[in-house]
Amino acid sequence: MDANKFKGGWHQFKGELKKKWGDLTDDDILECEGNYEKFLGAVQKRYGDKREQVEQWTDDWYSAQEQEEIRRRQATTSRNQA
């Protein structure tokens, strides 16, 4: 995971994060505040043996967001060229 990409999507991500991985507390999320390394530490603290699952879910979530952004840009470009 690219740290800049992680930080850039943090505000959207943290809402989904709490829904999916509810053991992360508000304090954990505040402590992370867009820092991927701190996020991994919080995940390790709360989920230990599920860390890889959380990391994979994170990668998948960010990839889906990136794909959605590409689709939005393509749709805007198509509309502007029409």
C-alpha atoms as a PDB file:
ATOM      1  CA  MET A   1       0.000   0.000   0.000  1.00  0.00           C
ATOM      2  CA  ASP A   2       1.300   3.391  -0.980  1.00  0.00           C
ATOM      3  CA  ALA A   3       1.372   5.658   2.089  1.00  0.00           C
ATOM      4  CA  ASN A   4       0.303   8.739   0.097  1.00  0.00           C
ATOM      5  CA  LYS A   5      -2.625   6.904  -1.476  1.00  0.00           C
ATOM      6  CA  PHE A   6      -3.627   5.631   1.965  1.00  0.00           C
ATOM      7  CA  LYS A   7      -3.558   9.099   3.455  1.00  0.00           C
ATOM      8  CA  GLY A   8      -5.418  10.614   0.514  1.00  0.00           C
ATOM      9  CA  GLY A   9      -8.388   8.306   0.931  1.00  0.00           C
ATOM     10  CA  TRP A  10      -8.342   8.196   4.706  1.00  0.00           C
ATOM     11  CA  HIS A  11     -11.535  10.141   5.392  1.00  0.00           C
ATOM     12  CA  GLN A  12     -13.662   7.879   3.206  1.00  0.00           C
ATOM     13  CA  PHE A  13     -11.804   4.778   4.280  1.00  0.00           C
ATOM     14  CA  LYS A  14     -12.144   5.220   8.021  1.00  0.00           C
ATOM     15  CA  GLY A  15     -15.946   5.102   7.861  1.00  0.00           C
ATOM     16  CA  GLU A  16     -15.867   1.828   5.957  1.00  0.00           C
ATOM     17  CA  LEU A  17     -13.144   0.556   8.253  1.00  0.00           C
ATOM     18  CA  LYS A  18     -15.301   0.981  11.341  1.00  0.00           C
ATOM     19  CA  LYS A  19     -18.226  -0.791   9.667  1.00  0.00           C
ATOM     20  CA  LYS A  20     -16.145  -3.774   8.604  1.00  0.00           C
ATOM     21  CA  TRP A  21     -13.643  -4.055  11.459  1.00  0.00           C
ATOM     22  CA  GLY A  22     -15.544  -2.813  14.506  1.00  0.00           C
ATOM     23  CA  ASP A  23     -12.921  -3.833  17.062  1.00  0.00           C
ATOM     24  CA  LEU A  24     -10.886  -0.788  16.056  1.00  0.00           C
ATOM     25  CA  THR A  25     -11.842   1.941  18.495  1.00  0.00           C
ATOM     26  CA  ASP A  26     -12.348   5.625  17.788  1.00  0.00           C
ATOM     27  CA  ASP A  27      -9.069   6.209  19.640  1.00  0.00           C
ATOM     28  CA  ASP A  28      -7.292   3.717  17.363  1.00  0.00           C
ATOM     29  CA  ILE A  29      -8.618   5.520  14.310  1.00  0.00           C
ATOM     30  CA  LEU A  30      -7.700   8.952  15.676  1.00  0.00           C
ATOM     31  CA  GLU A  31      -4.207   7.688  16.452  1.00  0.00           C
ATOM     32  CA  CYS A  32      -3.761   6.432  12.888  1.00  0.00           C
ATOM     33  CA  GLU A  33      -5.105   9.569  11.183  1.00  0.00           C
ATOM     34  CA  GLY A  34      -4.043   8.503   7.711  1.00  0.00           C
ATOM     35  CA  ASN A  35      -0.679   6.988   8.648  1.00  0.00           C
ATOM     36  CA  TYR A  36      -0.403   3.493   7.156  1.00  0.00           C
ATOM     37  CA  GLU A  37       2.250   2.263   9.594  1.00  0.00           C
ATOM     38  CA  LYS A  38       0.197   3.386  12.594  1.00  0.00           C
ATOM     39  CA  PHE A  39      -2.857   1.768  11.013  1.00  0.00           C
ATOM     40  CA  LEU A  40      -1.003  -1.537  10.736  1.00  0.00           C
ATOM     41  CA  GLY A  41       0.021  -1.250  14.387  1.00  0.00           C
ATOM     42  CA  ALA A  42      -3.588  -0.684  15.460  1.00  0.00           C
ATOM     43  CA  VAL A  43      -4.725  -3.626  13.345  1.00  0.00           C
ATOM     44  CA  GLN A  44      -2.050  -5.835  14.886  1.00  0.00           C
ATOM     45  CA  LYS A  45      -3.089  -4.758  18.375  1.00  0.00           C
ATOM     46  CA  ARG A  46      -6.808  -5.440  17.816  1.00  0.00           C
ATOM     47  CA  TYR A  47      -6.798  -8.316  15.357  1.00  0.00           C
ATOM     48  CA  GLY A  48      -3.410 -10.034  15.639  1.00  0.00           C
ATOM     49  CA  ASP A  49      -4.076 -13.206  13.675  1.00  0.00           C
ATOM     50  CA  LYS A  50      -6.374 -11.430  11.182  1.00  0.00           C
ATOM     51  CA  ARG A  51      -3.873  -8.759  10.213  1.00  0.00           C
ATOM     52  CA  GLU A  52      -3.378 -10.206   6.733  1.00  0.00           C
ATOM     53  CA  GLN A  53      -7.144 -10.238   6.168  1.00  0.00           C
ATOM     54  CA  VAL A  54      -7.424  -6.594   7.190  1.00  0.00           C
ATOM     55  CA  GLU A  55      -4.485  -5.638   4.971  1.00  0.00           C
ATOM     56  CA  GLN A  56      -6.013  -7.478   1.999  1.00  0.00           C
ATOM     57  CA  TRP A  57      -9.387  -5.830   2.604  1.00  0.00           C
ATOM     58  CA  THR A  58      -7.625  -2.449   2.760  1.00  0.00           C
ATOM     59  CA  ASP A  59      -5.819  -3.058  -0.533  1.00  0.00           C
ATOM     60  CA  ASP A  60      -9.049  -4.215  -2.156  1.00  0.00           C
ATOM     61  CA  TRP A  61     -10.970  -1.188  -0.852  1.00  0.00           C
ATOM     62  CA  TYR A  62      -8.405   1.285  -2.162  1.00  0.00           C
ATOM     63  CA  SER A  63      -8.214  -0.537  -5.512  1.00  0.00           C
ATOM     64  CA  ALA A  64     -11.998  -0.352  -5.877  1.00  0.00           C
ATOM     65  CA  GLN A  65     -11.905   3.374  -5.105  1.00  0.00           C
ATOM     66  CA  GLU A  66      -9.178   3.880  -7.676  1.00  0.00           C
ATOM     67  CA  GLN A  67     -11.150   1.976 -10.323  1.00  0.00           C
ATOM     68  CA  GLU A  68     -14.261   4.032  -9.561  1.00  0.00           C
ATOM     69  CA  GLU A  69     -12.261   7.248  -9.990  1.00  0.00           C
ATOM     70  CA  ILE A  70     -10.994   6.025 -13.375  1.00  0.00           C
ATOM     71  CA  ARG A  71     -14.569   5.239 -14.476  1.00  0.00           C
ATOM     72  CA  ARG A  72     -15.749   8.694 -13.360  1.00  0.00           C
ATOM     73  CA  ARG A  73     -12.950  10.386 -15.290  1.00  0.00           C
ATOM     74  CA  GLN A  74     -13.675   8.352 -18.409  1.00  0.00           C
ATOM     75  CA  ALA A  75     -17.381   9.182 -18.193  1.00  0.00           C
ATOM     76  CA  THR A  76     -16.586  12.894 -17.793  1.00  0.00           C
ATOM     77  CA  THR A  77     -14.192  12.792 -20.740  1.00  0.00           C
ATOM     78  CA  SER A  78     -16.801  11.015 -22.875  1.00  0.00           C
ATOM     79  CA  ARG A  79     -19.468  13.585 -21.995  1.00  0.00           C
ATOM     80  CA  ASN A  80     -17.109  16.474 -22.715  1.00  0.00           C
ATOM     81  CA  GLN A  81     -16.181  15.069 -26.125  1.00  0.00           C
ATOM     82  CA  ALA A  82     -19.803  14.583 -27.184  1.00  0.00           C
END
